[in-house]
Amino acid sequence: MGIRQRHEPDALTKKELEELSEFRYQLRRFLHFSEKIVQAEGITPLQYMLLLHVKGFPGRDWATVGELAERLQAAPHGTVALVSRCEAAGLVTRKPSGNDHRQVEVHLLAKGERCIAKLAALHKSEVQSFGWAFKEPTNRS
């Protein structure tokens, strides 16, 4: 058996490299901003992300541990530990699923609701500064 040839991607142009560099710079700038404001609120960036994914889960205001693990791109046992830390901080509570007793639903508590409302508003303003997100819908006639 021969050595498998790895497909090499096409070389990028200087302009494409500049665009990729700018994207990474803006992404890092946003993440640094996010880290500062969530830590000022007394939580970690991962705790903020968990609260955001619970509140922002499509179609409902709660999420299962498995769904949160997927959204966080984290191992399920790490997500369980993060949920436990958020629970100890009074941000979330766990409830057994009414549909599947093997699953656990994660719900925000009042403190978590207040925290995510404040931090998400600050994040929205920062994202709007990029000029591409949260734009006003255009009227279509």
C-alpha atoms as a PDB file:
ATOM      1  CA  MET A   1       0.000   0.000   0.000  1.00  0.00           C
ATOM      2  CA  GLY A   2       1.277   3.392  -0.961  1.00  0.00           C
ATOM      3  CA  ILE A   3       1.390   6.537   1.056  1.00  0.00           C
ATOM      4  CA  ARG A   4      -1.793   8.499   0.732  1.00  0.00           C
ATOM      5  CA  GLN A   5      -1.333  11.822  -1.031  1.00  0.00           C
ATOM      6  CA  ARG A   6      -2.724  14.702   0.894  1.00  0.00           C
ATOM      7  CA  HIS A   7      -4.723  17.166  -1.179  1.00  0.00           C
ATOM      8  CA  GLU A   8      -3.117  20.575  -0.862  1.00  0.00           C
ATOM      9  CA  PRO A   9      -5.501  23.532  -0.963  1.00  0.00           C
ATOM     10  CA  ASP A  10      -4.990  26.202  -3.577  1.00  0.00           C
ATOM     11  CA  ALA A  11      -2.656  28.985  -2.518  1.00  0.00           C
ATOM     12  CA  LEU A  12      -4.429  32.109  -1.327  1.00  0.00           C
ATOM     13  CA  THR A  13      -3.909  35.507  -2.866  1.00  0.00           C
ATOM     14  CA  LYS A  14      -2.438  38.358  -0.843  1.00  0.00           C
ATOM     15  CA  LYS A  15      -5.901  39.967  -0.661  1.00  0.00           C
ATOM     16  CA  GLU A  16      -7.439  36.723   0.648  1.00  0.00           C
ATOM     17  CA  LEU A  17      -4.693  36.459   3.287  1.00  0.00           C
ATOM     18  CA  GLU A  18      -5.312  40.067   4.300  1.00  0.00           C
ATOM     19  CA  GLU A  19      -9.055  39.355   4.611  1.00  0.00           C
ATOM     20  CA  LEU A  20      -8.403  36.227   6.670  1.00  0.00           C
ATOM     21  CA  SER A  21      -6.004  38.173   8.894  1.00  0.00           C
ATOM     22  CA  GLU A  22      -8.585  40.939   9.391  1.00  0.00           C
ATOM     23  CA  PHE A  23     -11.279  38.392  10.230  1.00  0.00           C
ATOM     24  CA  ARG A  24      -9.049  36.701  12.821  1.00  0.00           C
ATOM     25  CA  TYR A  25      -8.080  40.091  14.262  1.00  0.00           C
ATOM     26  CA  GLN A  26     -11.723  41.187  14.606  1.00  0.00           C
ATOM     27  CA  LEU A  27     -12.684  37.800  16.071  1.00  0.00           C
ATOM     28  CA  ARG A  28      -9.887  37.998  18.659  1.00  0.00           C
ATOM     29  CA  ARG A  29     -10.790  41.621  19.417  1.00  0.00           C
ATOM     30  CA  PHE A  30     -14.390  40.583  20.054  1.00  0.00           C
ATOM     31  CA  LEU A  31     -13.363  37.624  22.230  1.00  0.00           C
ATOM     32  CA  HIS A  32     -11.035  39.845  24.285  1.00  0.00           C
ATOM     33  CA  PHE A  33     -13.870  42.363  24.754  1.00  0.00           C
ATOM     34  CA  SER A  34     -16.189  39.516  25.794  1.00  0.00           C
ATOM     35  CA  GLU A  35     -13.690  38.081  28.281  1.00  0.00           C
ATOM     36  CA  LYS A  36     -13.299  41.472  29.977  1.00  0.00           C
ATOM     37  CA  ILE A  37     -17.001  42.242  30.360  1.00  0.00           C
ATOM     38  CA  VAL A  38     -18.058  38.805  31.559  1.00  0.00           C
ATOM     39  CA  GLN A  39     -15.257  38.692  34.117  1.00  0.00           C
ATOM     40  CA  ALA A  40     -16.303  42.159  35.327  1.00  0.00           C
ATOM     41  CA  GLU A  41     -19.755  40.653  35.900  1.00  0.00           C
ATOM     42  CA  GLY A  42     -18.187  37.936  38.072  1.00  0.00           C
ATOM     43  CA  ILE A  43     -18.539  34.949  35.743  1.00  0.00           C
ATOM     44  CA  THR A  44     -16.225  33.141  33.346  1.00  0.00           C
ATOM     45  CA  PRO A  45     -16.457  33.275  29.552  1.00  0.00           C
ATOM     46  CA  LEU A  46     -17.615  29.629  29.519  1.00  0.00           C
ATOM     47  CA  GLN A  47     -20.335  30.367  32.048  1.00  0.00           C
ATOM     48  CA  TYR A  48     -21.521  33.235  29.829  1.00  0.00           C
ATOM     49  CA  MET A  49     -21.565  30.953  26.797  1.00  0.00           C
ATOM     50  CA  LEU A  50     -23.591  28.360  28.702  1.00  0.00           C
ATOM     51  CA  LEU A  51     -26.141  30.993  29.786  1.00  0.00           C
ATOM     52  CA  LEU A  52     -26.335  32.326  26.236  1.00  0.00           C
ATOM     53  CA  HIS A  53     -26.904  28.860  24.776  1.00  0.00           C
ATOM     54  CA  VAL A  54     -29.585  28.029  27.354  1.00  0.00           C
ATOM     55  CA  LYS A  55     -31.491  31.267  26.733  1.00  0.00           C
ATOM     56  CA  GLY A  56     -30.809  31.313  23.000  1.00  0.00           C
ATOM     57  CA  PHE A  57     -31.657  27.705  22.254  1.00  0.00           C
ATOM     58  CA  PRO A  58     -34.014  27.632  19.247  1.00  0.00           C
ATOM     59  CA  GLY A  59     -37.675  27.249  20.136  1.00  0.00           C
ATOM     60  CA  ARG A  60     -37.402  27.163  23.914  1.00  0.00           C
ATOM     61  CA  ASP A  61     -35.732  28.758  26.959  1.00  0.00           C
ATOM     62  CA  TRP A  62     -33.883  25.666  28.167  1.00  0.00           C
ATOM     63  CA  ALA A  63     -31.482  23.091  26.755  1.00  0.00           C
ATOM     64  CA  THR A  64     -30.302  19.608  27.620  1.00  0.00           C
ATOM     65  CA  VAL A  65     -26.763  18.949  28.778  1.00  0.00           C
ATOM     66  CA  GLY A  66     -26.101  17.127  25.498  1.00  0.00           C
ATOM     67  CA  GLU A  67     -27.344  20.064  23.439  1.00  0.00           C
ATOM     68  CA  LEU A  68     -25.180  22.434  25.468  1.00  0.00           C
ATOM     69  CA  ALA A  69     -22.138  20.193  24.979  1.00  0.00           C
ATOM     70  CA  GLU A  70     -22.694  20.371  21.211  1.00  0.00           C
ATOM     71  CA  ARG A  71     -23.132  24.152  21.218  1.00  0.00           C
ATOM     72  CA  LEU A  72     -20.028  24.594  23.367  1.00  0.00           C
ATOM     73  CA  GLN A  73     -18.112  21.994  21.342  1.00  0.00           C
ATOM     74  CA  ALA A  74     -17.158  20.398  24.644  1.00  0.00           C
ATOM     75  CA  ALA A  75     -17.153  16.908  26.085  1.00  0.00           C
ATOM     76  CA  PRO A  76     -20.385  15.952  27.883  1.00  0.00           C
ATOM     77  CA  HIS A  77     -18.608  15.382  31.218  1.00  0.00           C
ATOM     78  CA  GLY A  78     -16.963  18.823  30.972  1.00  0.00           C
ATOM     79  CA  THR A  79     -20.351  20.366  30.259  1.00  0.00           C
ATOM     80  CA  VAL A  80     -21.825  18.619  33.304  1.00  0.00           C
ATOM     81  CA  ALA A  81     -19.036  20.145  35.426  1.00  0.00           C
ATOM     82  CA  LEU A  82     -19.733  23.596  33.927  1.00  0.00           C
ATOM     83  CA  VAL A  83     -23.469  23.233  34.635  1.00  0.00           C
ATOM     84  CA  SER A  84     -22.588  22.258  38.220  1.00  0.00           C
ATOM     85  CA  ARG A  85     -20.474  25.412  38.631  1.00  0.00           C
ATOM     86  CA  CYS A  86     -23.285  27.556  37.209  1.00  0.00           C
ATOM     87  CA  GLU A  87     -25.759  25.829  39.505  1.00  0.00           C
ATOM     88  CA  ALA A  88     -23.530  26.495  42.545  1.00  0.00           C
ATOM     89  CA  ALA A  89     -23.362  30.169  41.498  1.00  0.00           C
ATOM     90  CA  GLY A  90     -27.187  30.366  41.437  1.00  0.00           C
ATOM     91  CA  LEU A  91     -27.349  30.926  37.661  1.00  0.00           C
ATOM     92  CA  VAL A  92     -29.101  27.728  36.500  1.00  0.00           C
ATOM     93  CA  THR A  93     -31.060  24.771  37.763  1.00  0.00           C
ATOM     94  CA  ARG A  94     -31.395  21.240  36.443  1.00  0.00           C
ATOM     95  CA  LYS A  95     -34.736  19.533  35.940  1.00  0.00           C
ATOM     96  CA  PRO A  96     -35.451  15.986  34.798  1.00  0.00           C
ATOM     97  CA  SER A  97     -36.860  15.931  31.281  1.00  0.00           C
ATOM     98  CA  GLY A  98     -40.582  15.301  31.051  1.00  0.00           C
ATOM     99  CA  ASN A  99     -40.098  13.485  27.741  1.00  0.00           C
ATOM    100  CA  ASP A 100     -36.962  11.410  28.328  1.00  0.00           C
ATOM    101  CA  HIS A 101     -35.915  10.543  31.871  1.00  0.00           C
ATOM    102  CA  ARG A 102     -32.330   9.965  30.679  1.00  0.00           C
ATOM    103  CA  GLN A 103     -32.017  13.652  29.832  1.00  0.00           C
ATOM    104  CA  VAL A 104     -31.609  16.635  32.111  1.00  0.00           C
ATOM    105  CA  GLU A 105     -32.923  20.073  31.197  1.00  0.00           C
ATOM    106  CA  VAL A 106     -30.916  23.149  32.168  1.00  0.00           C
ATOM    107  CA  HIS A 107     -33.022  26.235  32.985  1.00  0.00           C
ATOM    108  CA  LEU A 108     -31.913  29.751  33.915  1.00  0.00           C
ATOM    109  CA  LEU A 109     -32.681  31.068  37.378  1.00  0.00           C
ATOM    110  CA  ALA A 110     -33.522  34.752  37.976  1.00  0.00           C
ATOM    111  CA  LYS A 111     -29.850  35.604  38.584  1.00  0.00           C
ATOM    112  CA  GLY A 112     -28.883  33.887  35.310  1.00  0.00           C
ATOM    113  CA  GLU A 113     -31.679  35.729  33.459  1.00  0.00           C
ATOM    114  CA  ARG A 114     -30.442  39.100  34.748  1.00  0.00           C
ATOM    115  CA  CYS A 115     -26.840  38.245  33.937  1.00  0.00           C
ATOM    116  CA  ILE A 116     -27.512  37.112  30.368  1.00  0.00           C
ATOM    117  CA  ALA A 117     -29.802  40.090  29.660  1.00  0.00           C
ATOM    118  CA  LYS A 118     -27.103  42.566  30.675  1.00  0.00           C
ATOM    119  CA  LEU A 119     -24.182  40.807  29.014  1.00  0.00           C
ATOM    120  CA  ALA A 120     -26.004  39.941  25.793  1.00  0.00           C
ATOM    121  CA  ALA A 121     -26.972  43.611  25.330  1.00  0.00           C
ATOM    122  CA  LEU A 122     -23.325  44.636  25.710  1.00  0.00           C
ATOM    123  CA  HIS A 123     -22.252  41.939  23.247  1.00  0.00           C
ATOM    124  CA  LYS A 124     -24.899  43.015  20.743  1.00  0.00           C
ATOM    125  CA  SER A 125     -23.528  46.560  20.709  1.00  0.00           C
ATOM    126  CA  GLU A 126     -20.013  45.278  20.102  1.00  0.00           C
ATOM    127  CA  VAL A 127     -21.106  42.924  17.330  1.00  0.00           C
ATOM    128  CA  GLN A 128     -23.018  45.776  15.669  1.00  0.00           C
ATOM    129  CA  SER A 129     -19.746  47.705  15.478  1.00  0.00           C
ATOM    130  CA  PHE A 130     -18.576  45.098  12.953  1.00  0.00           C
ATOM    131  CA  GLY A 131     -21.314  46.335  10.624  1.00  0.00           C
ATOM    132  CA  TRP A 132     -22.768  42.985   9.574  1.00  0.00           C
ATOM    133  CA  ALA A 133     -24.896  41.609  12.382  1.00  0.00           C
ATOM    134  CA  PHE A 134     -28.157  42.724  14.026  1.00  0.00           C
ATOM    135  CA  LYS A 135     -28.971  45.027  11.131  1.00  0.00           C
ATOM    136  CA  GLU A 136     -32.425  46.519  10.903  1.00  0.00           C
ATOM    137  CA  PRO A 137     -34.595  44.506   8.501  1.00  0.00           C
ATOM    138  CA  THR A 138     -35.221  46.180   5.185  1.00  0.00           C
ATOM    139  CA  ASN A 139     -38.771  46.777   4.012  1.00  0.00           C
ATOM    140  CA  ARG A 140     -39.581  44.649   0.998  1.00  0.00           C
ATOM    141  CA  SER A 141     -42.416  45.895  -1.142  1.00  0.00           C
END
